[in-house]
Amino acid sequence: MDWNPVHTGRFLSGDVEGGVCLWEPCEGGWDVSEIMRSPVSRGGKKSTSSSSRNKPQSFSSSSSSLCRFEGVTPGSTVEETQWKIKGSGAGDVFATASSDGGIRIYDCRSSSRAPCLALLHAHASDVNALRWSPVHGDLLLSGDEDGCAKVWDERFGESPLVVMHWHKKPITSLDWHPTDEATFATSSLDNSIALWDMSVEIDQDETPAEQEDPAQKKKNAKGEEDDPKSKLPEQLMFLHLGQDHISELKFHPLIPGVVISTACDGFNFFKTCNI
């Protein structure tokens, strides 16, 4: 679910059948908008949507008003919905992440029900989390089940700007630094939180294999492993450990660099000296 940052009261919700509802408040209840949804044919007839002014309208597999996004793989789950929060289309453009490895971007202002940008193979596994940049509005951060994080620019199509494949288990949460357009954080079920600066340039002496997989072991002339620090990607600014089953993290919106994270064993607040 995600609240609209521009239109007060509106929010998106995604379901396990690949559907997304746009909800709007009304006097005495809620209305459900079928914007960006296409009706599913039932019994040879095209079903119609309905809304209630007294209670939220829900959709299920047995509902005559069941609808789905065009282009979503049948049976896939919508893992995340995120409104664009800055720049052109803020409050009207939103992105969805799904278990088929795809990311789809929709524009509520368009008459088309198809996504305006479909990254069908954005990730090799389930896309667990999405986050639009609060500084550079066109940048979108995503994380998947394999522990890989990617940064996309919606203006430039299907090639990611940055790929960070460092975590060993699924990414659970992502967040951008509120004022630094190059800094973001990722949390994972490997019980770590990584803070990244994507403006750091990769060492040109690295081999292509080392650039693709920063965790690849390096060996010296004697065949021995080098200092473990040499295996850390250069864009990794800080690694926070010590929590069990981290579920979410957030940058503080007012205090620069402060991060809060929640896990099975409680909350952590921390601030690094280099961010």
C-alpha atoms as a PDB file:
ATOM      1  CA  MET A   1       0.000   0.000   0.000  1.00  0.00           C
ATOM      2  CA  ASP A   2       1.066   3.596  -0.534  1.00  0.00           C
ATOM      3  CA  TRP A   3      -0.548   6.959   0.211  1.00  0.00           C
ATOM      4  CA  ASN A   4      -0.584   9.541  -2.567  1.00  0.00           C
ATOM      5  CA  PRO A   5       1.888  12.380  -1.777  1.00  0.00           C
ATOM      6  CA  VAL A   6      -0.126  15.024  -3.666  1.00  0.00           C
ATOM      7  CA  HIS A   7      -3.824  14.090  -3.589  1.00  0.00           C
ATOM      8  CA  THR A   8      -4.877  13.858   0.049  1.00  0.00           C
ATOM      9  CA  GLY A   9      -6.619  10.623   1.012  1.00  0.00           C
ATOM     10  CA  ARG A  10      -5.848   8.599  -2.104  1.00  0.00           C
ATOM     11  CA  PHE A  11      -3.864   5.401  -1.795  1.00  0.00           C
ATOM     12  CA  LEU A  12      -2.924   2.333  -3.806  1.00  0.00           C
ATOM     13  CA  SER A  13      -3.244  -1.265  -2.713  1.00  0.00           C
ATOM     14  CA  GLY A  14      -1.919  -4.359  -4.458  1.00  0.00           C
ATOM     15  CA  ASP A  15      -3.079  -7.958  -4.110  1.00  0.00           C
ATOM     16  CA  VAL A  16      -1.855 -11.521  -4.545  1.00  0.00           C
ATOM     17  CA  GLU A  17      -3.578 -11.881  -7.914  1.00  0.00           C
ATOM     18  CA  GLY A  18      -1.745  -9.042  -9.646  1.00  0.00           C
ATOM     19  CA  GLY A  19      -4.445  -6.388  -9.172  1.00  0.00           C
ATOM     20  CA  VAL A  20      -4.114  -2.839  -7.891  1.00  0.00           C
ATOM     21  CA  CYS A  21      -6.918  -0.617  -6.562  1.00  0.00           C
ATOM     22  CA  LEU A  22      -6.867   3.165  -6.337  1.00  0.00           C
ATOM     23  CA  TRP A  23      -8.883   4.264  -3.293  1.00  0.00           C
ATOM     24  CA  GLU A  24     -10.365   7.704  -2.677  1.00  0.00           C
ATOM     25  CA  PRO A  25     -12.250   9.023   0.388  1.00  0.00           C
ATOM     26  CA  CYS A  26     -15.854  10.137   0.172  1.00  0.00           C
ATOM     27  CA  GLU A  27     -18.402  11.254   2.741  1.00  0.00           C
ATOM     28  CA  GLY A  28     -19.260   8.328   4.972  1.00  0.00           C
ATOM     29  CA  GLY A  29     -16.828   5.867   3.408  1.00  0.00           C
ATOM     30  CA  TRP A  30     -14.492   5.180   0.528  1.00  0.00           C
ATOM     31  CA  ASP A  31     -14.746   4.909  -3.229  1.00  0.00           C
ATOM     32  CA  VAL A  32     -12.638   2.596  -5.349  1.00  0.00           C
ATOM     33  CA  SER A  33     -11.445   3.874  -8.692  1.00  0.00           C
ATOM     34  CA  GLU A  34     -10.897   1.445 -11.528  1.00  0.00           C
ATOM     35  CA  ILE A  35      -8.293   3.692 -13.138  1.00  0.00           C
ATOM     36  CA  MET A  36      -5.609   1.667 -14.916  1.00  0.00           C
ATOM     37  CA  ARG A  37      -7.516  -1.614 -14.623  1.00  0.00           C
ATOM     38  CA  SER A  38      -9.092  -3.713 -17.357  1.00  0.00           C
ATOM     39  CA  PRO A  39     -12.181  -5.873 -16.696  1.00  0.00           C
ATOM     40  CA  VAL A  40     -11.917  -9.623 -16.830  1.00  0.00           C
ATOM     41  CA  SER A  41     -14.410 -11.418 -19.016  1.00  0.00           C
ATOM     42  CA  ARG A  42     -16.706 -13.761 -17.111  1.00  0.00           C
ATOM     43  CA  GLY A  43     -19.081 -16.057 -18.934  1.00  0.00           C
ATOM     44  CA  GLY A  44     -18.462 -14.336 -22.257  1.00  0.00           C
ATOM     45  CA  LYS A  45     -19.516 -10.943 -20.883  1.00  0.00           C
ATOM     46  CA  LYS A  46     -17.276  -8.128 -19.826  1.00  0.00           C
ATOM     47  CA  SER A  47     -17.699  -7.469 -16.117  1.00  0.00           C
ATOM     48  CA  THR A  48     -18.287  -3.975 -14.773  1.00  0.00           C
ATOM     49  CA  SER A  49     -16.808  -2.351 -11.714  1.00  0.00           C
ATOM     50  CA  SER A  50     -18.755  -0.893  -8.839  1.00  0.00           C
ATOM     51  CA  SER A  51     -18.026   1.226  -5.794  1.00  0.00           C
ATOM     52  CA  SER A  52     -19.678   1.828  -2.472  1.00  0.00           C
ATOM     53  CA  ARG A  53     -20.113   5.125  -0.653  1.00  0.00           C
ATOM     54  CA  ASN A  54     -20.593   3.373   2.679  1.00  0.00           C
ATOM     55  CA  LYS A  55     -17.709   0.902   2.830  1.00  0.00           C
ATOM     56  CA  PRO A  56     -14.514  -0.036   0.985  1.00  0.00           C
ATOM     57  CA  GLN A  57     -15.113  -2.086  -2.155  1.00  0.00           C
ATOM     58  CA  SER A  58     -12.971  -5.214  -2.194  1.00  0.00           C
ATOM     59  CA  PHE A  59     -12.120  -7.523  -5.066  1.00  0.00           C
ATOM     60  CA  SER A  60     -11.626 -11.274  -4.918  1.00  0.00           C
ATOM     61  CA  SER A  61     -11.417 -14.211  -7.289  1.00  0.00           C
ATOM     62  CA  SER A  62     -15.166 -14.772  -6.878  1.00  0.00           C
ATOM     63  CA  SER A  63     -16.143 -11.149  -7.481  1.00  0.00           C
ATOM     64  CA  SER A  64     -17.995 -10.238 -10.663  1.00  0.00           C
ATOM     65  CA  SER A  65     -15.958  -7.036 -10.810  1.00  0.00           C
ATOM     66  CA  LEU A  66     -12.530  -8.689 -10.712  1.00  0.00           C
ATOM     67  CA  CYS A  67     -10.017  -6.651 -12.754  1.00  0.00           C
ATOM     68  CA  ARG A  68      -6.328  -6.868 -13.547  1.00  0.00           C
ATOM     69  CA  PHE A  69      -3.595  -4.662 -14.934  1.00  0.00           C
ATOM     70  CA  GLU A  70      -2.778  -5.284 -18.540  1.00  0.00           C
ATOM     71  CA  GLY A  71       0.580  -6.968 -18.957  1.00  0.00           C
ATOM     72  CA  VAL A  72       0.888  -8.428 -15.458  1.00  0.00           C
ATOM     73  CA  THR A  73       1.830 -12.106 -15.550  1.00  0.00           C
ATOM     74  CA  PRO A  74      -1.208 -14.200 -14.495  1.00  0.00           C
ATOM     75  CA  GLY A  75      -0.788 -15.524 -10.967  1.00  0.00           C
ATOM     76  CA  SER A  76       1.944 -13.058  -9.983  1.00  0.00           C
ATOM     77  CA  THR A  77       1.754 -11.131  -6.719  1.00  0.00           C
ATOM     78  CA  VAL A  78       2.042  -7.356  -6.445  1.00  0.00           C
ATOM     79  CA  GLU A  79       4.795  -7.018  -3.848  1.00  0.00           C
ATOM     80  CA  GLU A  80       4.986  -3.209  -3.736  1.00  0.00           C
ATOM     81  CA  THR A  81       3.233  -0.086  -5.011  1.00  0.00           C
ATOM     82  CA  GLN A  82       4.905   3.329  -4.926  1.00  0.00           C
ATOM     83  CA  TRP A  83       3.712   6.780  -6.000  1.00  0.00           C
ATOM     84  CA  LYS A  84       6.266   9.061  -7.627  1.00  0.00           C
ATOM     85  CA  ILE A  85       6.953  11.777  -5.065  1.00  0.00           C
ATOM     86  CA  LYS A  86       8.873  14.453  -6.978  1.00  0.00           C
ATOM     87  CA  GLY A  87       9.259  15.825 -10.486  1.00  0.00           C
ATOM     88  CA  SER A  88       7.031  15.441 -13.519  1.00  0.00           C
ATOM     89  CA  GLY A  89       4.066  13.195 -12.755  1.00  0.00           C
ATOM     90  CA  ALA A  90       4.364  13.296  -8.972  1.00  0.00           C
ATOM     91  CA  GLY A  91       1.052  12.111  -7.533  1.00  0.00           C
ATOM     92  CA  ASP A  92      -0.106  10.722 -10.902  1.00  0.00           C
ATOM     93  CA  VAL A  93       2.659   8.276 -11.819  1.00  0.00           C
ATOM     94  CA  PHE A  94       3.197   5.120  -9.796  1.00  0.00           C
ATOM     95  CA  ALA A  95       5.291   1.962 -10.012  1.00  0.00           C
ATOM     96  CA  THR A  96       4.486  -1.622  -9.110  1.00  0.00           C
ATOM     97  CA  ALA A  97       6.827  -4.496  -8.289  1.00  0.00           C
ATOM     98  CA  SER A  98       5.722  -8.078  -8.741  1.00  0.00           C
ATOM     99  CA  SER A  99       6.808 -11.635  -8.073  1.00  0.00           C
ATOM    100  CA  ASP A 100       7.427 -12.247 -11.781  1.00  0.00           C
ATOM    101  CA  GLY A 101      10.559 -10.082 -11.580  1.00  0.00           C
ATOM    102  CA  GLY A 102       8.898  -7.165 -13.353  1.00  0.00           C
ATOM    103  CA  ILE A 103       8.554  -3.466 -12.623  1.00  0.00           C
ATOM    104  CA  ARG A 104       5.720  -1.531 -14.283  1.00  0.00           C
ATOM    105  CA  ILE A 105       5.166   2.212 -14.314  1.00  0.00           C
ATOM    106  CA  TYR A 106       1.675   3.655 -14.870  1.00  0.00           C
ATOM    107  CA  ASP A 107       0.342   7.160 -15.414  1.00  0.00           C
ATOM    108  CA  CYS A 108      -3.168   7.869 -14.116  1.00  0.00           C
ATOM    109  CA  ARG A 109      -3.469  10.790 -16.547  1.00  0.00           C
ATOM    110  CA  SER A 110      -3.259   8.457 -19.533  1.00  0.00           C
ATOM    111  CA  SER A 111      -6.363   6.936 -21.117  1.00  0.00           C
ATOM    112  CA  SER A 112      -4.399   3.741 -21.752  1.00  0.00           C
ATOM    113  CA  ARG A 113      -4.647   0.905 -19.263  1.00  0.00           C
ATOM    114  CA  ALA A 114      -1.262  -0.479 -20.245  1.00  0.00           C
ATOM    115  CA  PRO A 115       1.900   0.543 -18.389  1.00  0.00           C
ATOM    116  CA  CYS A 116       3.776   3.441 -19.926  1.00  0.00           C
ATOM    117  CA  LEU A 117       6.988   1.576 -19.092  1.00  0.00           C
ATOM    118  CA  ALA A 118       7.215  -2.173 -18.491  1.00  0.00           C
ATOM    119  CA  LEU A 119      10.505  -3.609 -17.245  1.00  0.00           C
ATOM    120  CA  LEU A 120       9.428  -7.221 -17.665  1.00  0.00           C
ATOM    121  CA  HIS A 121      12.810  -8.689 -16.731  1.00  0.00           C
ATOM    122  CA  ALA A 122      14.007  -6.037 -14.309  1.00  0.00           C
ATOM    123  CA  HIS A 123      15.172  -8.713 -11.863  1.00  0.00           C
ATOM    124  CA  ALA A 124      15.875 -12.428 -12.058  1.00  0.00           C
ATOM    125  CA  SER A 125      13.663 -13.099  -9.016  1.00  0.00           C
ATOM    126  CA  ASP A 126      10.786 -11.573  -7.025  1.00  0.00           C
ATOM    127  CA  VAL A 127      11.003  -7.790  -6.709  1.00  0.00           C
ATOM    128  CA  ASN A 128      10.407  -7.183  -3.008  1.00  0.00           C
ATOM    129  CA  ALA A 129      10.773  -3.419  -2.636  1.00  0.00           C
ATOM    130  CA  LEU A 130      10.618  -0.142  -4.582  1.00  0.00           C
ATOM    131  CA  ARG A 131      11.382   3.467  -3.696  1.00  0.00           C
ATOM    132  CA  TRP A 132      11.235   6.648  -5.793  1.00  0.00           C
ATOM    133  CA  SER A 133      13.954   9.212  -5.125  1.00  0.00           C
ATOM    134  CA  PRO A 134      12.815  12.266  -3.112  1.00  0.00           C
ATOM    135  CA  VAL A 135      15.607  14.364  -4.668  1.00  0.00           C
ATOM    136  CA  HIS A 136      15.884  13.240  -8.287  1.00  0.00           C
ATOM    137  CA  GLY A 137      12.288  12.351  -9.070  1.00  0.00           C
ATOM    138  CA  ASP A 138      12.972  10.122 -12.090  1.00  0.00           C
ATOM    139  CA  LEU A 139      15.183   7.646 -10.207  1.00  0.00           C
ATOM    140  CA  LEU A 140      13.638   4.421  -8.927  1.00  0.00           C
ATOM    141  CA  LEU A 141      15.357   2.018  -6.526  1.00  0.00           C
ATOM    142  CA  SER A 142      14.428  -1.680  -6.462  1.00  0.00           C
ATOM    143  CA  GLY A 143      15.515  -4.771  -4.529  1.00  0.00           C
ATOM    144  CA  ASP A 144      14.910  -8.460  -5.127  1.00  0.00           C
ATOM    145  CA  GLU A 145      14.804 -11.923  -3.590  1.00  0.00           C
ATOM    146  CA  ASP A 146      18.427 -12.632  -4.570  1.00  0.00           C
ATOM    147  CA  GLY A 147      19.799  -9.675  -2.610  1.00  0.00           C
ATOM    148  CA  CYS A 148      20.354  -7.473  -5.661  1.00  0.00           C
ATOM    149  CA  ALA A 149      19.533  -3.744  -5.673  1.00  0.00           C
ATOM    150  CA  LYS A 150      19.195  -1.690  -8.853  1.00  0.00           C
ATOM    151  CA  VAL A 151      18.693   1.978  -9.677  1.00  0.00           C
ATOM    152  CA  TRP A 152      16.594   2.891 -12.714  1.00  0.00           C
ATOM    153  CA  ASP A 153      15.885   6.117 -14.574  1.00  0.00           C
ATOM    154  CA  GLU A 154      12.364   6.018 -16.001  1.00  0.00           C
ATOM    155  CA  ARG A 155      13.458   8.251 -18.884  1.00  0.00           C
ATOM    156  CA  PHE A 156      16.046   5.840 -20.244  1.00  0.00           C
ATOM    157  CA  GLY A 157      14.260   2.516 -20.597  1.00  0.00           C
ATOM    158  CA  GLU A 158      15.230  -0.956 -19.518  1.00  0.00           C
ATOM    159  CA  SER A 159      18.915  -0.655 -18.564  1.00  0.00           C
ATOM    160  CA  PRO A 160      19.648   0.002 -14.864  1.00  0.00           C
ATOM    161  CA  LEU A 161      22.006   2.834 -13.994  1.00  0.00           C
ATOM    162  CA  VAL A 162      23.482   0.971 -11.025  1.00  0.00           C
ATOM    163  CA  VAL A 163      23.530  -2.675  -9.924  1.00  0.00           C
ATOM    164  CA  MET A 164      24.559  -3.580  -6.354  1.00  0.00           C
ATOM    165  CA  HIS A 165      24.633  -7.349  -5.828  1.00  0.00           C
ATOM    166  CA  TRP A 166      26.075  -7.586  -2.346  1.00  0.00           C
ATOM    167  CA  HIS A 167      23.503  -9.044   0.047  1.00  0.00           C
ATOM    168  CA  LYS A 168      23.434 -12.824   0.401  1.00  0.00           C
ATOM    169  CA  LYS A 169      19.713 -13.116   1.147  1.00  0.00           C
ATOM    170  CA  PRO A 170      16.500 -11.312   0.069  1.00  0.00           C
ATOM    171  CA  ILE A 171      16.319  -7.537   0.336  1.00  0.00           C
ATOM    172  CA  THR A 172      13.508  -6.539   2.700  1.00  0.00           C
ATOM    173  CA  SER A 173      13.542  -2.734   2.566  1.00  0.00           C
ATOM    174  CA  LEU A 174      15.050   0.244   0.745  1.00  0.00           C
ATOM    175  CA  ASP A 175      15.242   3.976   1.320  1.00  0.00           C
ATOM    176  CA  TRP A 176      16.851   7.016  -0.267  1.00  0.00           C
ATOM    177  CA  HIS A 177      18.741   9.651   1.686  1.00  0.00           C
ATOM    178  CA  PRO A 178      16.301  12.615   1.908  1.00  0.00           C
ATOM    179  CA  THR A 179      18.786  15.209   0.603  1.00  0.00           C
ATOM    180  CA  ASP A 180      21.637  13.340  -1.132  1.00  0.00           C
ATOM    181  CA  GLU A 181      20.554  12.037  -4.540  1.00  0.00           C
ATOM    182  CA  ALA A 182      23.384   9.469  -4.707  1.00  0.00           C
ATOM    183  CA  THR A 183      22.955   7.818  -1.293  1.00  0.00           C
ATOM    184  CA  PHE A 184      20.569   5.020  -0.365  1.00  0.00           C
ATOM    185  CA  ALA A 185      20.266   2.154   2.112  1.00  0.00           C
ATOM    186  CA  THR A 186      19.253  -1.492   1.777  1.00  0.00           C
ATOM    187  CA  SER A 187      18.321  -4.074   4.403  1.00  0.00           C
ATOM    188  CA  SER A 188      18.360  -7.834   3.968  1.00  0.00           C
ATOM    189  CA  LEU A 189      17.495 -11.116   5.636  1.00  0.00           C
ATOM    190  CA  ASP A 190      21.250 -11.699   5.889  1.00  0.00           C
ATOM    191  CA  ASN A 191      20.896  -9.456   8.981  1.00  0.00           C
ATOM    192  CA  SER A 192      22.749  -6.507   7.504  1.00  0.00           C
ATOM    193  CA  ILE A 193      22.006  -2.937   6.442  1.00  0.00           C
ATOM    194  CA  ALA A 194      24.189  -1.440   3.729  1.00  0.00           C
ATOM    195  CA  LEU A 195      24.567   2.273   3.004  1.00  0.00           C
ATOM    196  CA  TRP A 196      25.608   3.050  -0.564  1.00  0.00           C
ATOM    197  CA  ASP A 197      26.976   6.026  -2.487  1.00  0.00           C
ATOM    198  CA  MET A 198      26.436   5.382  -6.183  1.00  0.00           C
ATOM    199  CA  SER A 199      28.474   8.459  -7.151  1.00  0.00           C
ATOM    200  CA  VAL A 200      31.691   6.624  -6.221  1.00  0.00           C
ATOM    201  CA  GLU A 201      33.482   5.498  -9.351  1.00  0.00           C
ATOM    202  CA  ILE A 202      34.527   1.867  -9.772  1.00  0.00           C
ATOM    203  CA  ASP A 203      38.272   1.192  -9.707  1.00  0.00           C
ATOM    204  CA  GLN A 204      39.339   0.889 -13.328  1.00  0.00           C
ATOM    205  CA  ASP A 205      41.925  -1.750 -12.334  1.00  0.00           C
ATOM    206  CA  GLU A 206      39.164  -4.199 -11.411  1.00  0.00           C
ATOM    207  CA  THR A 207      38.387  -6.996 -13.813  1.00  0.00           C
ATOM    208  CA  PRO A 208      34.877  -7.145 -15.341  1.00  0.00           C
ATOM    209  CA  ALA A 209      34.084 -10.165 -13.142  1.00  0.00           C
ATOM    210  CA  GLU A 210      35.062  -8.259 -10.000  1.00  0.00           C
ATOM    211  CA  GLN A 211      32.945  -5.278 -11.024  1.00  0.00           C
ATOM    212  CA  GLU A 212      29.917  -7.503 -11.591  1.00  0.00           C
ATOM    213  CA  ASP A 213      30.383  -9.424  -8.322  1.00  0.00           C
ATOM    214  CA  PRO A 214      32.191  -7.323  -5.679  1.00  0.00           C
ATOM    215  CA  ALA A 215      32.170 -10.295  -3.286  1.00  0.00           C
ATOM    216  CA  GLN A 216      34.421 -12.319  -5.605  1.00  0.00           C
ATOM    217  CA  LYS A 217      37.580 -13.355  -3.760  1.00  0.00           C
ATOM    218  CA  LYS A 218      40.885 -11.776  -4.760  1.00  0.00           C
ATOM    219  CA  LYS A 219      44.156 -13.626  -4.334  1.00  0.00           C
ATOM    220  CA  ASN A 220      47.719 -12.364  -4.239  1.00  0.00           C
ATOM    221  CA  ALA A 221      50.710 -13.755  -6.094  1.00  0.00           C
ATOM    222  CA  LYS A 222      51.106 -16.532  -3.516  1.00  0.00           C
ATOM    223  CA  GLY A 223      47.555 -17.712  -4.067  1.00  0.00           C
ATOM    224  CA  GLU A 224      46.423 -16.459  -0.665  1.00  0.00           C
ATOM    225  CA  GLU A 225      43.341 -14.377  -0.105  1.00  0.00           C
ATOM    226  CA  ASP A 226      43.909 -10.653   0.288  1.00  0.00           C
ATOM    227  CA  ASP A 227      42.582  -8.555   3.142  1.00  0.00           C
ATOM    228  CA  PRO A 228      38.778  -9.102   3.430  1.00  0.00           C
ATOM    229  CA  LYS A 229      38.333  -5.334   3.089  1.00  0.00           C
ATOM    230  CA  SER A 230      39.515  -5.628  -0.519  1.00  0.00           C
ATOM    231  CA  LYS A 231      36.360  -7.596  -1.313  1.00  0.00           C
ATOM    232  CA  LEU A 232      34.048  -4.767  -0.297  1.00  0.00           C
ATOM    233  CA  PRO A 233      32.492  -2.810  -3.168  1.00  0.00           C
ATOM    234  CA  GLU A 234      33.792   0.735  -3.366  1.00  0.00           C
ATOM    235  CA  GLN A 235      30.272   2.189  -3.293  1.00  0.00           C
ATOM    236  CA  LEU A 236      29.612   0.580   0.115  1.00  0.00           C
ATOM    237  CA  MET A 237      29.892   3.387   2.675  1.00  0.00           C
ATOM    238  CA  PHE A 238      28.801   1.561   5.824  1.00  0.00           C
ATOM    239  CA  LEU A 239      27.629  -1.877   6.941  1.00  0.00           C
ATOM    240  CA  HIS A 240      25.378  -2.149  10.001  1.00  0.00           C
ATOM    241  CA  LEU A 241      25.167  -5.561  11.708  1.00  0.00           C
ATOM    242  CA  GLY A 242      23.794  -7.077  14.892  1.00  0.00           C
ATOM    243  CA  GLN A 243      20.040  -7.257  14.286  1.00  0.00           C
ATOM    244  CA  ASP A 244      17.965 -10.369  13.658  1.00  0.00           C
ATOM    245  CA  HIS A 245      15.519 -10.541  10.726  1.00  0.00           C
ATOM    246  CA  ILE A 246      15.514  -6.870   9.714  1.00  0.00           C
ATOM    247  CA  SER A 247      12.155  -5.972   8.199  1.00  0.00           C
ATOM    248  CA  GLU A 248      12.338  -2.232   7.477  1.00  0.00           C
ATOM    249  CA  LEU A 249      14.596   0.810   7.518  1.00  0.00           C
ATOM    250  CA  LYS A 250      14.054   4.552   7.105  1.00  0.00           C
ATOM    251  CA  PHE A 251      16.261   7.623   6.867  1.00  0.00           C
ATOM    252  CA  HIS A 252      15.243  10.380   9.274  1.00  0.00           C
ATOM    253  CA  PRO A 253      13.681  13.164   7.160  1.00  0.00           C
ATOM    254  CA  LEU A 254      15.154  16.020   9.244  1.00  0.00           C
ATOM    255  CA  ILE A 255      18.357  14.759  10.891  1.00  0.00           C
ATOM    256  CA  PRO A 256      20.923  14.092   8.126  1.00  0.00           C
ATOM    257  CA  GLY A 257      22.277  10.559   7.990  1.00  0.00           C
ATOM    258  CA  VAL A 258      20.230   9.094  10.853  1.00  0.00           C
ATOM    259  CA  VAL A 259      18.708   5.686  10.088  1.00  0.00           C
ATOM    260  CA  ILE A 260      16.112   3.733  12.053  1.00  0.00           C
ATOM    261  CA  SER A 261      15.700   0.011  11.496  1.00  0.00           C
ATOM    262  CA  THR A 262      13.269  -2.493  12.932  1.00  0.00           C
ATOM    263  CA  ALA A 263      13.869  -6.201  13.436  1.00  0.00           C
ATOM    264  CA  CYS A 264      12.697  -9.155  15.510  1.00  0.00           C
ATOM    265  CA  ASP A 265      14.914  -8.060  18.387  1.00  0.00           C
ATOM    266  CA  GLY A 266      13.940  -4.388  18.459  1.00  0.00           C
ATOM    267  CA  PHE A 267      14.759  -0.986  16.969  1.00  0.00           C
ATOM    268  CA  ASN A 268      18.164   0.456  16.133  1.00  0.00           C
ATOM    269  CA  PHE A 269      19.019   4.121  15.576  1.00  0.00           C
ATOM    270  CA  PHE A 270      22.409   4.893  14.082  1.00  0.00           C
ATOM    271  CA  LYS A 271      24.314   7.614  12.254  1.00  0.00           C
ATOM    272  CA  THR A 272      27.542   7.166  10.325  1.00  0.00           C
ATOM    273  CA  CYS A 273      30.338   9.729  10.164  1.00  0.00           C
ATOM    274  CA  ASN A 274      30.763   9.466   6.379  1.00  0.00           C
ATOM    275  CA  ILE A 275      27.159  10.198   5.326  1.00  0.00           C
END
